[in-house]
Amino acid sequence: MRRRLAARARGTAIGLVLAQVAPPVPDRAHPVARFGSVMTSVEDVMWEDDRDAGVRYAAVGAAIGAVGGRLLGSTAAAVSVTTAGRQLREVATTVGAHLEAGDLEAARAALPSLVGRDPSTLDESGVAAAVVESVAENMVDAVYAPAVWALLGGAAGAGLYRALNTMDAMVGHRSDRYERFGWAAARADDLANLVPARLFALAVVALAPPERRAEAVRAVRDDAPAHPSPNAGVAEAAVAGALGLSLGGPLRYGDRAEDRPVLGRGDRPVPADIARAVRLAEHTELVLIGSLVLLGILGAPRRRRRR
């Protein structure tokens, strides 16, 4: 078991590095996009306004994801196509560049690539806040969670997690159609992210400036529980505290308005804070890779010396 875990740790670390340096896979050919197309067809067949139907849908998708991950052939390969930290940070940087150039409309136009909220009424600070929150939340979804599940279950674990997360994005949101059918996918995604979100927050606290660490801990402990997501709140609160910002507050998803809890006690974000959040996210991924390499080294079998 120790050797298997060490091998998975090494494979996961290699996969994370490959995801950083390899050319991006075209959207049409990407395994995650293909999975989404398959699950759209599955939904057409299985949809009922019923939780039990949603449980069956989620079970089918989880099985497809696990098998698909296994078919990729190795933990490294599975991790490289189920993580997207580089893409996340590139889009965030693009939005930040538009804001820095004073082009609020271009920033608003690029924002839907990161978040689902309505950007049409957001000012510079609102767009910056949305980007910082998205970087924090999606570092869990796009990096930490697939890595943790790959460590636990190898290539199949990475595929399983990406399937759960993709199904949550497809049917896990609140609407008349998915209130009951999407319940299982949403809850499964919450459970799958429970540990990864806290590991990400721990890395953020460790990387925070010494004078900010206590505030990052306080924000996670006191502010995050009020967030509607048990995992996004933890990630966003940690980043808010580490960067000395205040996140959350009122936002709008189409016709639906939400008044999110305020996370952190600092100032509202400005465009320059996007680059700070991106750097912090990059460093947390390096911490993750380093931890996996160390685990892979410590768990490797030792050669016996010849007498």
Protein backbone atom coordinates (compact mmCIF):
# COMPACT_ATOMS: atom_id res chain seq x y z
CA MET A 1 0.00 0.00 0.00
CA ARG A 2 2.85 2.37 0.86
CA ARG A 3 4.55 1.72 -2.48
CA ARG A 4 1.28 2.17 -4.36
CA LEU A 5 0.61 5.49 -2.65
CA ALA A 6 4.15 6.66 -3.40
CA ALA A 7 3.77 5.68 -7.06
CA ARG A 8 0.49 7.56 -7.29
CA ALA A 9 2.09 10.59 -5.64
CA ARG A 10 4.85 10.61 -8.22
CA GLY A 11 2.38 10.13 -11.06
CA THR A 12 0.16 12.93 -9.76
CA ALA A 13 3.12 15.31 -9.49
CA ILE A 14 4.19 14.46 -13.05
CA GLY A 15 0.63 15.02 -14.27
CA LEU A 16 0.46 18.45 -12.64
CA VAL A 17 3.74 19.45 -14.27
CA LEU A 18 2.59 18.11 -17.67
CA ALA A 19 -0.59 20.17 -17.36
CA GLN A 20 1.59 23.27 -16.97
CA VAL A 21 3.88 22.70 -19.95
CA ALA A 22 2.00 20.56 -22.48
CA PRO A 23 0.08 22.21 -25.35
CA PRO A 24 -3.63 22.51 -24.52
CA VAL A 25 -5.91 19.81 -25.92
CA PRO A 26 -8.47 21.26 -28.37
CA ASP A 27 -11.88 21.61 -26.75
CA ARG A 28 -13.62 19.21 -29.14
CA ALA A 29 -11.07 16.48 -28.46
CA HIS A 30 -10.74 17.02 -24.73
CA PRO A 31 -11.94 14.01 -22.66
CA VAL A 32 -13.86 16.28 -20.26
CA ALA A 33 -15.76 17.90 -23.13
CA ARG A 34 -16.55 14.47 -24.55
CA PHE A 35 -17.78 13.33 -21.15
CA GLY A 36 -20.07 16.35 -21.02
CA SER A 37 -21.54 15.45 -24.40
CA VAL A 38 -22.14 11.87 -23.27
CA MET A 39 -23.83 13.01 -20.07
CA THR A 40 -26.10 15.35 -22.00
CA SER A 41 -27.35 12.31 -23.90
CA VAL A 42 -27.66 10.35 -20.64
CA GLU A 43 -29.71 13.18 -19.15
CA ASP A 44 -32.05 13.17 -22.15
CA VAL A 45 -32.80 9.51 -21.43
CA MET A 46 -32.82 9.50 -17.63
CA TRP A 47 -34.22 12.89 -16.61
CA GLU A 48 -37.17 12.90 -14.24
CA ASP A 49 -38.16 15.52 -11.72
CA ASP A 50 -37.07 13.17 -8.98
CA ARG A 51 -34.05 12.70 -6.69
CA ASP A 52 -33.86 8.96 -7.31
CA ALA A 53 -33.47 9.60 -11.04
CA GLY A 54 -30.70 12.05 -10.22
CA VAL A 55 -28.95 9.43 -8.09
CA ARG A 56 -29.02 7.00 -11.00
CA TYR A 57 -27.73 9.67 -13.36
CA ALA A 58 -24.85 10.54 -11.00
CA ALA A 59 -23.97 6.86 -10.55
CA VAL A 60 -23.79 6.31 -14.31
CA GLY A 61 -21.63 9.40 -14.76
CA ALA A 62 -19.31 8.42 -11.91
CA ALA A 63 -18.81 4.98 -13.44
CA ILE A 64 -18.07 6.45 -16.87
CA GLY A 65 -15.59 8.89 -15.33
CA ALA A 66 -13.74 6.22 -13.38
CA VAL A 67 -13.51 3.89 -16.38
CA GLY A 68 -12.49 6.75 -18.65
CA GLY A 69 -9.72 7.77 -16.28
CA ARG A 70 -8.48 4.21 -16.14
CA LEU A 71 -8.45 3.99 -19.95
CA LEU A 72 -6.09 6.97 -20.12
CA GLY A 73 -3.43 4.52 -19.04
CA SER A 74 -1.60 6.19 -16.18
CA THR A 75 -2.13 8.48 -13.21
CA ALA A 76 0.08 11.12 -14.83
CA ALA A 77 -1.96 11.13 -18.03
CA ALA A 78 -5.26 11.27 -16.16
CA VAL A 79 -4.12 14.15 -13.94
CA SER A 80 -2.77 16.11 -16.90
CA VAL A 81 -6.21 16.16 -18.58
CA THR A 82 -8.37 16.53 -15.46
CA THR A 83 -6.55 19.56 -14.01
CA ALA A 84 -6.70 23.09 -15.38
CA GLY A 85 -4.75 25.39 -13.09
CA ARG A 86 -2.82 26.99 -15.93
CA GLN A 87 -5.97 27.77 -17.93
CA LEU A 88 -7.67 29.19 -14.83
CA ARG A 89 -4.81 31.55 -14.11
CA GLU A 90 -4.44 32.57 -17.76
CA VAL A 91 -8.08 33.64 -18.00
CA ALA A 92 -7.85 35.48 -14.68
CA THR A 93 -4.74 37.28 -15.90
CA THR A 94 -6.52 38.28 -19.12
CA VAL A 95 -9.42 39.82 -17.22
CA GLY A 96 -6.94 41.61 -14.94
CA ALA A 97 -5.05 42.99 -17.94
CA HIS A 98 -8.28 44.45 -19.35
CA LEU A 99 -9.00 46.13 -16.03
CA GLU A 100 -5.46 47.46 -15.72
CA ALA A 101 -5.82 48.95 -19.22
CA GLY A 102 -9.07 50.64 -18.19
CA ASP A 103 -11.23 48.52 -20.50
CA LEU A 104 -14.08 47.54 -18.19
CA GLU A 105 -16.30 46.30 -21.04
CA ALA A 106 -13.64 43.86 -22.27
CA ALA A 107 -13.16 42.63 -18.70
CA ARG A 108 -16.90 42.11 -18.32
CA ALA A 109 -17.01 40.23 -21.64
CA ALA A 110 -14.22 37.87 -20.54
CA LEU A 111 -15.60 37.26 -17.05
CA PRO A 112 -18.20 34.57 -17.96
CA SER A 113 -15.28 32.24 -18.77
CA LEU A 114 -14.64 32.20 -15.01
CA VAL A 115 -17.93 32.79 -13.21
CA GLY A 116 -21.64 32.35 -13.75
CA ARG A 117 -22.75 35.67 -12.29
CA ASP A 118 -24.12 38.54 -14.39
CA PRO A 119 -21.18 40.90 -15.13
CA SER A 120 -23.21 43.65 -16.81
CA THR A 121 -23.58 45.80 -13.69
CA LEU A 122 -20.21 45.10 -12.07
CA ASP A 123 -17.75 47.95 -11.63
CA GLU A 124 -13.95 47.47 -11.59
CA SER A 125 -13.96 46.32 -7.99
CA GLY A 126 -16.85 43.95 -8.61
CA VAL A 127 -15.10 42.31 -11.54
CA ALA A 128 -11.84 42.08 -9.58
CA ALA A 129 -13.68 40.49 -6.65
CA ALA A 130 -15.37 37.96 -8.95
CA VAL A 131 -12.00 36.97 -10.43
CA VAL A 132 -10.27 36.61 -7.06
CA GLU A 133 -13.16 34.50 -5.74
CA SER A 134 -13.10 32.33 -8.86
CA VAL A 135 -9.34 31.77 -8.62
CA ALA A 136 -9.74 30.68 -5.00
CA GLU A 137 -12.72 28.38 -5.57
CA ASN A 138 -11.47 26.85 -8.81
CA MET A 139 -7.99 26.10 -7.53
CA VAL A 140 -9.82 23.47 -5.49
CA ASP A 141 -11.92 22.18 -8.42
CA ALA A 142 -9.21 22.42 -11.06
CA VAL A 143 -6.07 21.41 -9.15
CA TYR A 144 -6.30 20.23 -5.55
CA ALA A 145 -9.33 17.94 -5.80
CA PRO A 146 -8.29 15.96 -8.90
CA ALA A 147 -4.80 15.61 -7.39
CA VAL A 148 -6.16 14.31 -4.07
CA TRP A 149 -8.47 11.85 -5.82
CA ALA A 150 -5.63 10.69 -8.07
CA LEU A 151 -3.55 10.08 -4.97
CA LEU A 152 -6.39 8.01 -3.49
CA GLY A 153 -7.48 6.14 -6.60
CA GLY A 154 -4.92 6.66 -9.34
CA ALA A 155 -6.14 7.39 -12.87
CA ALA A 156 -9.63 6.10 -12.04
CA GLY A 157 -9.81 8.43 -9.03
CA ALA A 158 -8.91 11.47 -11.13
CA GLY A 159 -11.51 10.51 -13.74
CA LEU A 160 -14.14 9.91 -11.07
CA TYR A 161 -13.60 13.32 -9.51
CA ARG A 162 -13.70 15.17 -12.82
CA ALA A 163 -16.94 13.37 -13.66
CA LEU A 164 -18.56 14.43 -10.37
CA ASN A 165 -17.42 18.02 -10.77
CA THR A 166 -18.60 18.20 -14.39
CA MET A 167 -22.00 16.77 -13.52
CA ASP A 168 -22.35 19.32 -10.74
CA ALA A 169 -21.66 22.10 -13.25
CA MET A 170 -24.21 20.62 -15.64
CA VAL A 171 -27.13 19.75 -13.35
CA GLY A 172 -26.13 20.73 -9.81
CA HIS A 173 -27.36 24.31 -9.90
CA ARG A 174 -30.70 25.43 -8.56
CA SER A 175 -33.46 25.70 -11.16
CA ASP A 176 -36.92 24.28 -11.72
CA ARG A 177 -35.45 21.50 -13.86
CA TYR A 178 -32.55 20.51 -11.60
CA GLU A 179 -33.76 21.23 -8.07
CA ARG A 180 -34.38 17.52 -7.47
CA PHE A 181 -32.65 15.81 -10.40
CA GLY A 182 -29.35 17.59 -9.74
CA TRP A 183 -29.36 17.10 -5.97
CA ALA A 184 -27.21 13.93 -5.97
CA ALA A 185 -24.58 15.40 -8.31
CA ALA A 186 -24.32 18.55 -6.21
CA ARG A 187 -24.00 16.67 -2.92
CA ALA A 188 -21.44 14.25 -4.39
CA ASP A 189 -19.34 17.18 -5.57
CA ASP A 190 -19.54 18.78 -2.12
CA LEU A 191 -18.28 15.59 -0.48
CA ALA A 192 -15.54 15.11 -3.07
CA ASN A 193 -14.19 18.62 -2.42
CA LEU A 194 -14.42 18.54 1.37
CA VAL A 195 -10.80 17.55 2.08
CA PRO A 196 -9.18 19.21 -0.98
CA ALA A 197 -10.70 22.60 -0.10
CA ARG A 198 -9.21 22.45 3.37
CA LEU A 199 -5.83 21.33 2.08
CA PHE A 200 -5.87 24.31 -0.28
CA ALA A 201 -6.77 26.64 2.60
CA LEU A 202 -3.93 25.17 4.65
CA ALA A 203 -1.49 25.90 1.82
CA VAL A 204 -2.83 29.46 1.54
CA VAL A 205 -2.36 30.05 5.27
CA ALA A 206 1.19 28.66 5.11
CA LEU A 207 2.05 30.97 2.19
CA ALA A 208 0.40 34.07 3.64
CA PRO A 209 2.65 36.86 4.96
CA PRO A 210 3.29 36.27 8.67
CA GLU A 211 1.19 39.28 9.61
CA ARG A 212 -1.76 37.91 7.60
CA ARG A 213 -1.80 34.30 8.75
CA ALA A 214 -3.93 34.88 11.82
CA GLU A 215 -6.50 36.77 9.74
CA ALA A 216 -6.58 33.99 7.15
CA VAL A 217 -7.26 31.44 9.90
CA ARG A 218 -9.89 33.69 11.47
CA ALA A 219 -11.67 34.19 8.13
CA VAL A 220 -11.82 30.44 7.51
CA ARG A 221 -13.02 29.76 11.06
CA ASP A 222 -15.52 32.59 11.47
CA ASP A 223 -16.61 33.74 8.00
CA ALA A 224 -16.57 30.62 5.83
CA PRO A 225 -19.37 28.73 7.68
CA ALA A 226 -21.90 31.36 6.58
CA HIS A 227 -21.12 30.76 2.89
CA PRO A 228 -23.71 28.64 1.02
CA SER A 229 -20.97 26.31 -0.23
CA PRO A 230 -19.13 24.22 2.40
CA ASN A 231 -15.99 24.30 0.25
CA ALA A 232 -15.93 27.50 -1.81
CA GLY A 233 -16.38 29.52 1.38
CA VAL A 234 -13.30 27.92 2.94
CA ALA A 235 -11.12 28.58 -0.13
CA GLU A 236 -12.35 32.14 -0.64
CA ALA A 237 -12.08 33.06 3.03
CA ALA A 238 -8.49 31.80 3.21
CA VAL A 239 -7.50 33.85 0.16
CA ALA A 240 -9.34 36.92 1.43
CA GLY A 241 -7.48 36.75 4.74
CA ALA A 242 -4.10 36.03 3.15
CA LEU A 243 -4.40 38.95 0.72
CA GLY A 244 -5.97 41.37 3.20
CA LEU A 245 -9.19 41.66 1.17
CA SER A 246 -12.94 41.59 1.70
CA LEU A 247 -14.81 39.22 -0.63
CA GLY A 248 -18.43 38.13 -0.96
CA GLY A 249 -21.47 40.38 -0.63
CA PRO A 250 -24.37 40.86 -3.07
CA LEU A 251 -24.19 39.24 -6.52
CA ARG A 252 -26.55 38.22 -9.31
CA TYR A 253 -26.94 35.03 -11.36
CA GLY A 254 -29.27 35.97 -14.22
CA ASP A 255 -32.61 36.79 -12.61
CA ARG A 256 -31.56 35.41 -9.22
CA ALA A 257 -29.91 37.72 -6.67
CA GLU A 258 -27.90 36.48 -3.71
CA ASP A 259 -26.51 38.30 -0.70
CA ARG A 260 -23.36 36.32 0.09
CA PRO A 261 -21.61 36.68 3.46
CA VAL A 262 -18.60 38.96 3.62
CA LEU A 263 -15.32 37.03 3.84
CA GLY A 264 -12.33 38.81 5.34
CA ARG A 265 -11.91 42.22 6.92
CA GLY A 266 -9.78 44.03 4.36
CA ASP A 267 -10.50 46.43 1.50
CA ARG A 268 -12.58 45.53 -1.53
CA PRO A 269 -10.44 44.18 -4.39
CA VAL A 270 -8.92 46.42 -7.03
CA PRO A 271 -7.54 45.29 -10.44
CA ALA A 272 -4.00 44.84 -9.11
CA ASP A 273 -5.27 42.26 -6.60
CA ILE A 274 -5.98 39.81 -9.44
CA ALA A 275 -2.24 39.41 -10.09
CA ARG A 276 -1.67 38.88 -6.37
CA ALA A 277 -4.33 36.15 -6.28
CA VAL A 278 -2.85 34.48 -9.37
CA ARG A 279 0.65 34.45 -7.80
CA LEU A 280 -0.74 32.98 -4.61
CA ALA A 281 -2.57 30.30 -6.61
CA GLU A 282 0.61 29.43 -8.52
CA HIS A 283 2.52 29.07 -5.27
CA THR A 284 -0.14 26.80 -3.75
CA GLU A 285 0.18 24.50 -6.77
CA LEU A 286 3.96 24.42 -6.32
CA VAL A 287 3.42 23.49 -2.67
CA LEU A 288 1.13 20.68 -3.78
CA ILE A 289 3.63 19.38 -6.34
CA GLY A 290 6.47 19.57 -3.81
CA SER A 291 4.42 17.70 -1.21
CA LEU A 292 3.60 14.95 -3.71
CA VAL A 293 7.24 14.61 -4.75
CA LEU A 294 8.28 14.34 -1.12
CA LEU A 295 5.61 11.71 -0.49
CA GLY A 296 6.77 9.82 -3.56
CA ILE A 297 10.38 9.85 -2.36
CA LEU A 298 9.64 8.88 1.23
CA GLY A 299 7.41 6.01 0.14
CA ALA A 300 9.78 4.60 -2.46
CA PRO A 301 11.25 1.18 -1.65
CA ARG A 302 14.75 1.32 -0.24
CA ARG A 303 17.47 -0.77 -1.77
CA ARG A 304 19.21 -3.15 0.56
CA ARG A 305 22.91 -2.78 0.79
CA ARG A 306 24.95 -5.79 -0.19
CA ARG A 307 27.15 -7.14 2.52
